[in-house]
Amino acid sequence: MRIDILTLFPKIVEGFLTESIIKRAIEKGYVTINVIDFREFSPLNNKQVDDTPYGGGAGMLLRCEPIFECLDAIRTPEAHVIMLSPEGKTYKQGIANRLKEYKHLILLCGHYEGFDERIKTIVDEIISIGDFVLTGGEIPAAAIVDSVVRLIPGVINDESLANESFNNNLLDYPQYTKPAEYRGMKVPEILISGNHQKIAEYRKEEQKRKTKELRPDLMGDEDE
């Protein structure tokens, strides 16, 4: 998989590419990630990328030319272009599962007051990571990259992926490790019983209980 992150502030996202699972995925060749400063595609002598909105209003909007020119230069036939914006569909695990199937993802990070509306004509979808406001799209881009790359076959073992939260629209079951008792709190007896069938049944019921208690909105959610 190839992922291109289009941003005005490359250093915000470059750091997380050099640590942990993402770093190993890059080193092993599972994914190629490019961070591209689309300011370099501005046709203006001063490399300006924003301007005041027609009709007046606060803030500055990203101009069309740098983004159109950048996409013209890097877009491949397999590319799927995502604009990161609060007006997009809310990102969920089901979307991550779908995005991992693309050979080429392009993530467009906004800044300032937003995008010139015409830029939306050259993207494939718009995604939001939640109903809150950030200064730019770099943090959402990092979140999407992390959630997608870890799903690429070989990056993480299959058993770990199968037992994660949000599979089957349920949270993960409670888990424990040594010691078996700490400050009066004991690990449930069933987990140290050695009865794997009973353990599986217990964990399934705990997933349902935990989800109903903490995230009832997930019950029956299709993740899209």
C-alpha atoms as a PDB file:
ATOM      1  CA  MET A   1       0.000   0.000   0.000  1.00  0.00           C
ATOM      2  CA  ARG A   2       1.045   3.565  -0.709  1.00  0.00           C
ATOM      3  CA  ILE A   3      -0.204   6.456   1.418  1.00  0.00           C
ATOM      4  CA  ASP A   4       0.397  10.123   0.582  1.00  0.00           C
ATOM      5  CA  ILE A   5      -0.323  12.748   3.234  1.00  0.00           C
ATOM      6  CA  LEU A   6      -0.806  16.230   1.783  1.00  0.00           C
ATOM      7  CA  THR A   7      -0.103  18.914   4.366  1.00  0.00           C
ATOM      8  CA  LEU A   8       1.324  22.385   4.903  1.00  0.00           C
ATOM      9  CA  PHE A   9       3.118  21.232   8.051  1.00  0.00           C
ATOM     10  CA  PRO A  10       5.022  17.993   7.320  1.00  0.00           C
ATOM     11  CA  LYS A  11       6.830  17.895  10.666  1.00  0.00           C
ATOM     12  CA  ILE A  12       3.540  17.382  12.516  1.00  0.00           C
ATOM     13  CA  VAL A  13       3.089  13.951  10.936  1.00  0.00           C
ATOM     14  CA  GLU A  14       6.658  12.889  10.195  1.00  0.00           C
ATOM     15  CA  GLY A  15       7.433  12.019  13.805  1.00  0.00           C
ATOM     16  CA  PHE A  16       4.822   9.302  14.252  1.00  0.00           C
ATOM     17  CA  LEU A  17       6.088   7.514  11.142  1.00  0.00           C
ATOM     18  CA  THR A  18       9.403   6.732  12.838  1.00  0.00           C
ATOM     19  CA  GLU A  19       8.074   4.875  15.874  1.00  0.00           C
ATOM     20  CA  SER A  20       6.470   1.574  16.850  1.00  0.00           C
ATOM     21  CA  ILE A  21       4.252  -0.446  14.496  1.00  0.00           C
ATOM     22  CA  ILE A  22       4.143   2.146  11.693  1.00  0.00           C
ATOM     23  CA  LYS A  23       7.926   2.296  11.565  1.00  0.00           C
ATOM     24  CA  ARG A  24       8.203  -1.507  11.372  1.00  0.00           C
ATOM     25  CA  ALA A  25       5.526  -1.708   8.676  1.00  0.00           C
ATOM     26  CA  ILE A  26       7.473   0.778   6.557  1.00  0.00           C
ATOM     27  CA  GLU A  27      10.799  -0.976   7.132  1.00  0.00           C
ATOM     28  CA  LYS A  28       9.328  -4.368   6.173  1.00  0.00           C
ATOM     29  CA  GLY A  29       7.810  -2.974   2.998  1.00  0.00           C
ATOM     30  CA  TYR A  30       4.150  -3.403   3.891  1.00  0.00           C
ATOM     31  CA  VAL A  31       3.463   0.273   3.254  1.00  0.00           C
ATOM     32  CA  THR A  32       5.115   3.323   1.714  1.00  0.00           C
ATOM     33  CA  ILE A  33       4.145   6.643   3.294  1.00  0.00           C
ATOM     34  CA  ASN A  34       4.990   9.987   1.711  1.00  0.00           C
ATOM     35  CA  VAL A  35       4.473  13.341   3.407  1.00  0.00           C
ATOM     36  CA  ILE A  36       4.001  16.025   0.772  1.00  0.00           C
ATOM     37  CA  ASP A  37       4.003  19.781   1.350  1.00  0.00           C
ATOM     38  CA  PHE A  38       1.449  21.025  -1.155  1.00  0.00           C
ATOM     39  CA  ARG A  39       2.722  24.576  -0.668  1.00  0.00           C
ATOM     40  CA  GLU A  40       5.397  23.638  -3.188  1.00  0.00           C
ATOM     41  CA  PHE A  41       2.668  23.396  -5.847  1.00  0.00           C
ATOM     42  CA  SER A  42       1.479  26.986  -5.414  1.00  0.00           C
ATOM     43  CA  PRO A  43       1.767  28.962  -8.676  1.00  0.00           C
ATOM     44  CA  LEU A  44       2.350  32.213  -6.771  1.00  0.00           C
ATOM     45  CA  ASN A  45       5.843  33.592  -6.330  1.00  0.00           C
ATOM     46  CA  ASN A  46       5.492  33.761  -2.557  1.00  0.00           C
ATOM     47  CA  LYS A  47       4.059  30.214  -2.413  1.00  0.00           C
ATOM     48  CA  GLN A  48       0.807  31.506  -0.919  1.00  0.00           C
ATOM     49  CA  VAL A  49      -1.822  28.790  -0.516  1.00  0.00           C
ATOM     50  CA  ASP A  50      -4.709  30.657   1.127  1.00  0.00           C
ATOM     51  CA  ASP A  51      -6.802  33.752   0.524  1.00  0.00           C
ATOM     52  CA  THR A  52      -9.830  35.662   1.794  1.00  0.00           C
ATOM     53  CA  PRO A  53     -13.282  34.247   0.982  1.00  0.00           C
ATOM     54  CA  TYR A  54     -15.460  35.838  -1.693  1.00  0.00           C
ATOM     55  CA  GLY A  55     -18.451  37.515  -0.095  1.00  0.00           C
ATOM     56  CA  GLY A  56     -16.543  38.299   3.070  1.00  0.00           C
ATOM     57  CA  GLY A  57     -16.171  36.433   6.318  1.00  0.00           C
ATOM     58  CA  ALA A  58     -13.591  35.537   8.907  1.00  0.00           C
ATOM     59  CA  GLY A  59     -10.524  33.441   8.232  1.00  0.00           C
ATOM     60  CA  MET A  60      -8.712  32.318   5.122  1.00  0.00           C
ATOM     61  CA  LEU A  61      -9.546  29.525   2.690  1.00  0.00           C
ATOM     62  CA  LEU A  62      -7.188  27.126   0.955  1.00  0.00           C
ATOM     63  CA  ARG A  63      -6.923  28.010  -2.721  1.00  0.00           C
ATOM     64  CA  CYS A  64      -7.671  25.525  -5.491  1.00  0.00           C
ATOM     65  CA  GLU A  65      -4.455  25.667  -7.483  1.00  0.00           C
ATOM     66  CA  PRO A  66      -1.906  24.093  -5.088  1.00  0.00           C
ATOM     67  CA  ILE A  67      -4.138  21.139  -4.279  1.00  0.00           C
ATOM     68  CA  PHE A  68      -5.304  20.523  -7.839  1.00  0.00           C
ATOM     69  CA  GLU A  69      -1.716  20.710  -9.123  1.00  0.00           C
ATOM     70  CA  CYS A  70      -0.430  18.445  -6.349  1.00  0.00           C
ATOM     71  CA  LEU A  71      -3.071  15.801  -7.025  1.00  0.00           C
ATOM     72  CA  ASP A  72      -2.394  16.001 -10.771  1.00  0.00           C
ATOM     73  CA  ALA A  73       1.252  15.199 -10.027  1.00  0.00           C
ATOM     74  CA  ILE A  74       0.826  12.289  -7.614  1.00  0.00           C
ATOM     75  CA  ARG A  75      -2.538  10.699  -8.318  1.00  0.00           C
ATOM     76  CA  THR A  76      -2.479   7.161  -9.702  1.00  0.00           C
ATOM     77  CA  PRO A  77      -5.340   5.175 -11.290  1.00  0.00           C
ATOM     78  CA  GLU A  78      -5.688   3.238  -8.009  1.00  0.00           C
ATOM     79  CA  ALA A  79      -5.735   6.336  -5.791  1.00  0.00           C
ATOM     80  CA  HIS A  80      -8.556   7.035  -3.350  1.00  0.00           C
ATOM     81  CA  VAL A  81      -8.503  10.674  -2.205  1.00  0.00           C
ATOM     82  CA  ILE A  82      -9.833  11.583   1.234  1.00  0.00           C
ATOM     83  CA  MET A  83     -10.445  15.120   2.431  1.00  0.00           C
ATOM     84  CA  LEU A  84     -10.253  15.478   6.212  1.00  0.00           C
ATOM     85  CA  SER A  85     -12.982  17.842   7.367  1.00  0.00           C
ATOM     86  CA  PRO A  86     -15.538  18.136  10.224  1.00  0.00           C
ATOM     87  CA  GLU A  87     -18.344  17.897   7.664  1.00  0.00           C
ATOM     88  CA  GLY A  88     -17.355  14.383   6.608  1.00  0.00           C
ATOM     89  CA  LYS A  89     -18.748  11.037   7.714  1.00  0.00           C
ATOM     90  CA  THR A  90     -17.575   9.984  11.163  1.00  0.00           C
ATOM     91  CA  TYR A  91     -14.619   7.613  11.027  1.00  0.00           C
ATOM     92  CA  LYS A  92     -15.233   4.118  12.383  1.00  0.00           C
ATOM     93  CA  GLN A  93     -13.546   0.733  12.317  1.00  0.00           C
ATOM     94  CA  GLY A  94     -15.656  -0.378   9.386  1.00  0.00           C
ATOM     95  CA  ILE A  95     -14.224   2.438   7.303  1.00  0.00           C
ATOM     96  CA  ALA A  96     -10.689   1.441   8.309  1.00  0.00           C
ATOM     97  CA  ASN A  97     -11.423  -2.105   7.150  1.00  0.00           C
ATOM     98  CA  ARG A  98     -12.597  -0.770   3.805  1.00  0.00           C
ATOM     99  CA  LEU A  99      -9.669   1.628   3.307  1.00  0.00           C
ATOM    100  CA  LYS A 100      -7.084  -1.106   3.831  1.00  0.00           C
ATOM    101  CA  GLU A 101      -8.189  -2.629   0.519  1.00  0.00           C
ATOM    102  CA  TYR A 102      -6.986   0.343  -1.527  1.00  0.00           C
ATOM    103  CA  LYS A 103      -3.530   0.255  -3.103  1.00  0.00           C
ATOM    104  CA  HIS A 104      -3.105   4.034  -2.879  1.00  0.00           C
ATOM    105  CA  LEU A 105      -4.608   6.396  -0.313  1.00  0.00           C
ATOM    106  CA  ILE A 106      -4.213  10.170  -0.452  1.00  0.00           C
ATOM    107  CA  LEU A 107      -5.105  12.108   2.714  1.00  0.00           C
ATOM    108  CA  LEU A 108      -5.692  15.824   2.296  1.00  0.00           C
ATOM    109  CA  CYS A 109      -5.122  17.866   5.456  1.00  0.00           C
ATOM    110  CA  GLY A 110      -6.922  21.173   5.731  1.00  0.00           C
ATOM    111  CA  HIS A 111      -5.904  24.311   7.608  1.00  0.00           C
ATOM    112  CA  TYR A 112      -7.174  27.814   8.238  1.00  0.00           C
ATOM    113  CA  GLU A 113     -10.949  28.321   7.751  1.00  0.00           C
ATOM    114  CA  GLY A 114     -11.319  25.432   5.320  1.00  0.00           C
ATOM    115  CA  PHE A 115     -11.232  24.518   1.648  1.00  0.00           C
ATOM    116  CA  ASP A 116     -12.412  26.303  -1.462  1.00  0.00           C
ATOM    117  CA  GLU A 117     -15.596  24.373  -2.295  1.00  0.00           C
ATOM    118  CA  ARG A 118     -14.273  23.421  -5.734  1.00  0.00           C
ATOM    119  CA  ILE A 119     -11.604  21.215  -4.188  1.00  0.00           C
ATOM    120  CA  LYS A 120     -14.349  18.772  -3.216  1.00  0.00           C
ATOM    121  CA  THR A 121     -14.835  17.936  -6.897  1.00  0.00           C
ATOM    122  CA  ILE A 122     -11.514  16.067  -6.967  1.00  0.00           C
ATOM    123  CA  VAL A 123     -11.814  14.003  -3.772  1.00  0.00           C
ATOM    124  CA  ASP A 124     -13.509  10.628  -3.395  1.00  0.00           C
ATOM    125  CA  GLU A 125     -14.826  11.046   0.119  1.00  0.00           C
ATOM    126  CA  ILE A 126     -14.755  13.347   3.139  1.00  0.00           C
ATOM    127  CA  ILE A 127     -14.002  11.971   6.605  1.00  0.00           C
ATOM    128  CA  SER A 128     -14.190  13.423  10.114  1.00  0.00           C
ATOM    129  CA  ILE A 129     -12.701  11.759  13.197  1.00  0.00           C
ATOM    130  CA  GLY A 130     -15.296  13.345  15.489  1.00  0.00           C
ATOM    131  CA  ASP A 131     -17.468  16.294  16.322  1.00  0.00           C
ATOM    132  CA  PHE A 132     -14.775  18.658  17.528  1.00  0.00           C
ATOM    133  CA  VAL A 133     -12.543  21.278  15.952  1.00  0.00           C
ATOM    134  CA  LEU A 134      -8.782  20.927  15.382  1.00  0.00           C
ATOM    135  CA  THR A 135      -6.330  23.399  13.904  1.00  0.00           C
ATOM    136  CA  GLY A 136      -5.677  21.137  10.947  1.00  0.00           C
ATOM    137  CA  GLY A 137      -6.033  17.698   9.424  1.00  0.00           C
ATOM    138  CA  GLU A 138      -2.680  16.276  10.451  1.00  0.00           C
ATOM    139  CA  ILE A 139      -3.866  14.564  13.642  1.00  0.00           C
ATOM    140  CA  PRO A 140      -6.857  12.981  11.850  1.00  0.00           C
ATOM    141  CA  ALA A 141      -4.497  11.855   9.059  1.00  0.00           C
ATOM    142  CA  ALA A 142      -2.191  10.219  11.603  1.00  0.00           C
ATOM    143  CA  ALA A 143      -5.141   8.464  13.246  1.00  0.00           C
ATOM    144  CA  ILE A 144      -6.374   7.097   9.930  1.00  0.00           C
ATOM    145  CA  VAL A 145      -2.911   5.954   8.859  1.00  0.00           C
ATOM    146  CA  ASP A 146      -2.369   4.173  12.168  1.00  0.00           C
ATOM    147  CA  SER A 147      -5.766   2.450  12.098  1.00  0.00           C
ATOM    148  CA  VAL A 148      -5.400   1.323   8.472  1.00  0.00           C
ATOM    149  CA  VAL A 149      -1.757   0.243   8.433  1.00  0.00           C
ATOM    150  CA  ARG A 150      -2.202  -2.077  11.409  1.00  0.00           C
ATOM    151  CA  LEU A 151      -4.865  -3.946   9.398  1.00  0.00           C
ATOM    152  CA  ILE A 152      -2.554  -4.703   6.474  1.00  0.00           C
ATOM    153  CA  PRO A 153      -1.867  -8.465   6.473  1.00  0.00           C
ATOM    154  CA  GLY A 154       1.427  -9.210   8.187  1.00  0.00           C
ATOM    155  CA  VAL A 155       1.727  -5.980  10.174  1.00  0.00           C
ATOM    156  CA  ILE A 156       0.022  -7.449  13.268  1.00  0.00           C
ATOM    157  CA  ASN A 157      -0.722 -11.109  13.912  1.00  0.00           C
ATOM    158  CA  ASP A 158      -4.203 -12.272  12.964  1.00  0.00           C
ATOM    159  CA  GLU A 159      -5.167 -13.408  16.469  1.00  0.00           C
ATOM    160  CA  SER A 160      -4.575  -9.939  17.919  1.00  0.00           C
ATOM    161  CA  LEU A 161      -6.734  -8.362  15.224  1.00  0.00           C
ATOM    162  CA  ALA A 162      -9.534 -10.861  15.715  1.00  0.00           C
ATOM    163  CA  ASN A 163      -9.865 -10.056  19.416  1.00  0.00           C
ATOM    164  CA  GLU A 164      -9.958  -6.272  19.223  1.00  0.00           C
ATOM    165  CA  SER A 165     -12.642  -3.791  20.154  1.00  0.00           C
ATOM    166  CA  PHE A 166     -15.331  -2.992  17.582  1.00  0.00           C
ATOM    167  CA  ASN A 167     -15.219  -6.398  15.922  1.00  0.00           C
ATOM    168  CA  ASN A 168     -18.896  -7.407  15.645  1.00  0.00           C
ATOM    169  CA  ASN A 169     -19.744  -3.931  16.976  1.00  0.00           C
ATOM    170  CA  LEU A 170     -18.655  -4.889  20.493  1.00  0.00           C
ATOM    171  CA  LEU A 171     -16.004  -3.539  22.816  1.00  0.00           C
ATOM    172  CA  ASP A 172     -13.174  -5.826  23.840  1.00  0.00           C
ATOM    173  CA  TYR A 173     -13.705  -8.032  26.881  1.00  0.00           C
ATOM    174  CA  PRO A 174     -11.953  -7.165  30.187  1.00  0.00           C
ATOM    175  CA  GLN A 175      -8.453  -8.628  30.406  1.00  0.00           C
ATOM    176  CA  TYR A 176      -6.055  -9.368  33.251  1.00  0.00           C
ATOM    177  CA  THR A 177      -2.439 -10.409  33.762  1.00  0.00           C
ATOM    178  CA  LYS A 178      -0.254 -11.376  36.727  1.00  0.00           C
ATOM    179  CA  PRO A 179      -0.522 -11.167  39.690  1.00  0.00           C
ATOM    180  CA  ALA A 180      -3.757 -13.097  40.161  1.00  0.00           C
ATOM    181  CA  GLU A 181      -4.614 -10.903  43.164  1.00  0.00           C
ATOM    182  CA  TYR A 182      -3.563  -7.312  43.836  1.00  0.00           C
ATOM    183  CA  ARG A 183      -4.769  -5.078  46.660  1.00  0.00           C
ATOM    184  CA  GLY A 184      -7.746  -7.319  47.233  1.00  0.00           C
ATOM    185  CA  MET A 185      -8.752  -7.387  43.566  1.00  0.00           C
ATOM    186  CA  LYS A 186      -8.815 -10.883  42.114  1.00  0.00           C
ATOM    187  CA  VAL A 187      -8.766 -12.122  38.554  1.00  0.00           C
ATOM    188  CA  PRO A 188     -12.097 -13.852  37.766  1.00  0.00           C
ATOM    189  CA  GLU A 189     -11.791 -17.554  38.575  1.00  0.00           C
ATOM    190  CA  ILE A 190     -13.046 -18.606  35.147  1.00  0.00           C
ATOM    191  CA  LEU A 191      -9.974 -17.083  33.472  1.00  0.00           C
ATOM    192  CA  ILE A 192      -7.574 -19.276  35.439  1.00  0.00           C
ATOM    193  CA  SER A 193      -9.731 -22.407  35.256  1.00  0.00           C
ATOM    194  CA  GLY A 194      -8.167 -23.758  32.078  1.00  0.00           C
ATOM    195  CA  ASN A 195     -11.635 -24.423  30.593  1.00  0.00           C
ATOM    196  CA  HIS A 196     -11.248 -22.712  27.233  1.00  0.00           C
ATOM    197  CA  GLN A 197     -14.851 -23.200  26.162  1.00  0.00           C
ATOM    198  CA  LYS A 198     -16.138 -21.587  29.355  1.00  0.00           C
ATOM    199  CA  ILE A 199     -13.578 -18.807  29.007  1.00  0.00           C
ATOM    200  CA  ALA A 200     -14.753 -18.072  25.457  1.00  0.00           C
ATOM    201  CA  GLU A 201     -18.389 -17.988  26.613  1.00  0.00           C
ATOM    202  CA  TYR A 202     -17.506 -15.706  29.532  1.00  0.00           C
ATOM    203  CA  ARG A 203     -15.597 -13.313  27.297  1.00  0.00           C
ATOM    204  CA  LYS A 204     -18.449 -13.103  24.791  1.00  0.00           C
ATOM    205  CA  GLU A 205     -20.928 -12.261  27.539  1.00  0.00           C
ATOM    206  CA  GLU A 206     -18.547  -9.708  29.002  1.00  0.00           C
ATOM    207  CA  GLN A 207     -18.222  -8.036  25.601  1.00  0.00           C
ATOM    208  CA  LYS A 208     -21.986  -7.667  25.415  1.00  0.00           C
ATOM    209  CA  ARG A 209     -22.257  -6.428  29.006  1.00  0.00           C
ATOM    210  CA  LYS A 210     -19.435  -3.927  28.624  1.00  0.00           C
ATOM    211  CA  THR A 211     -20.741  -2.584  25.318  1.00  0.00           C
ATOM    212  CA  LYS A 212     -24.296  -2.219  26.647  1.00  0.00           C
ATOM    213  CA  GLU A 213     -22.976  -0.413  29.709  1.00  0.00           C
ATOM    214  CA  LEU A 214     -20.373   1.877  28.125  1.00  0.00           C
ATOM    215  CA  ARG A 215     -21.284   2.196  24.439  1.00  0.00           C
ATOM    216  CA  PRO A 216     -24.906   1.170  23.835  1.00  0.00           C
ATOM    217  CA  ASP A 217     -24.795   3.220  20.619  1.00  0.00           C
ATOM    218  CA  LEU A 218     -22.602   0.511  19.089  1.00  0.00           C
ATOM    219  CA  MET A 219     -25.198  -2.211  19.356  1.00  0.00           C
ATOM    220  CA  GLY A 220     -26.327  -2.936  15.810  1.00  0.00           C
ATOM    221  CA  ASP A 221     -24.008  -0.263  14.351  1.00  0.00           C
ATOM    222  CA  GLU A 222     -22.739  -1.099  10.866  1.00  0.00           C
ATOM    223  CA  ASP A 223     -19.561   0.999  11.352  1.00  0.00           C
ATOM    224  CA  GLU A 224     -20.233   3.018   8.214  1.00  0.00           C
END
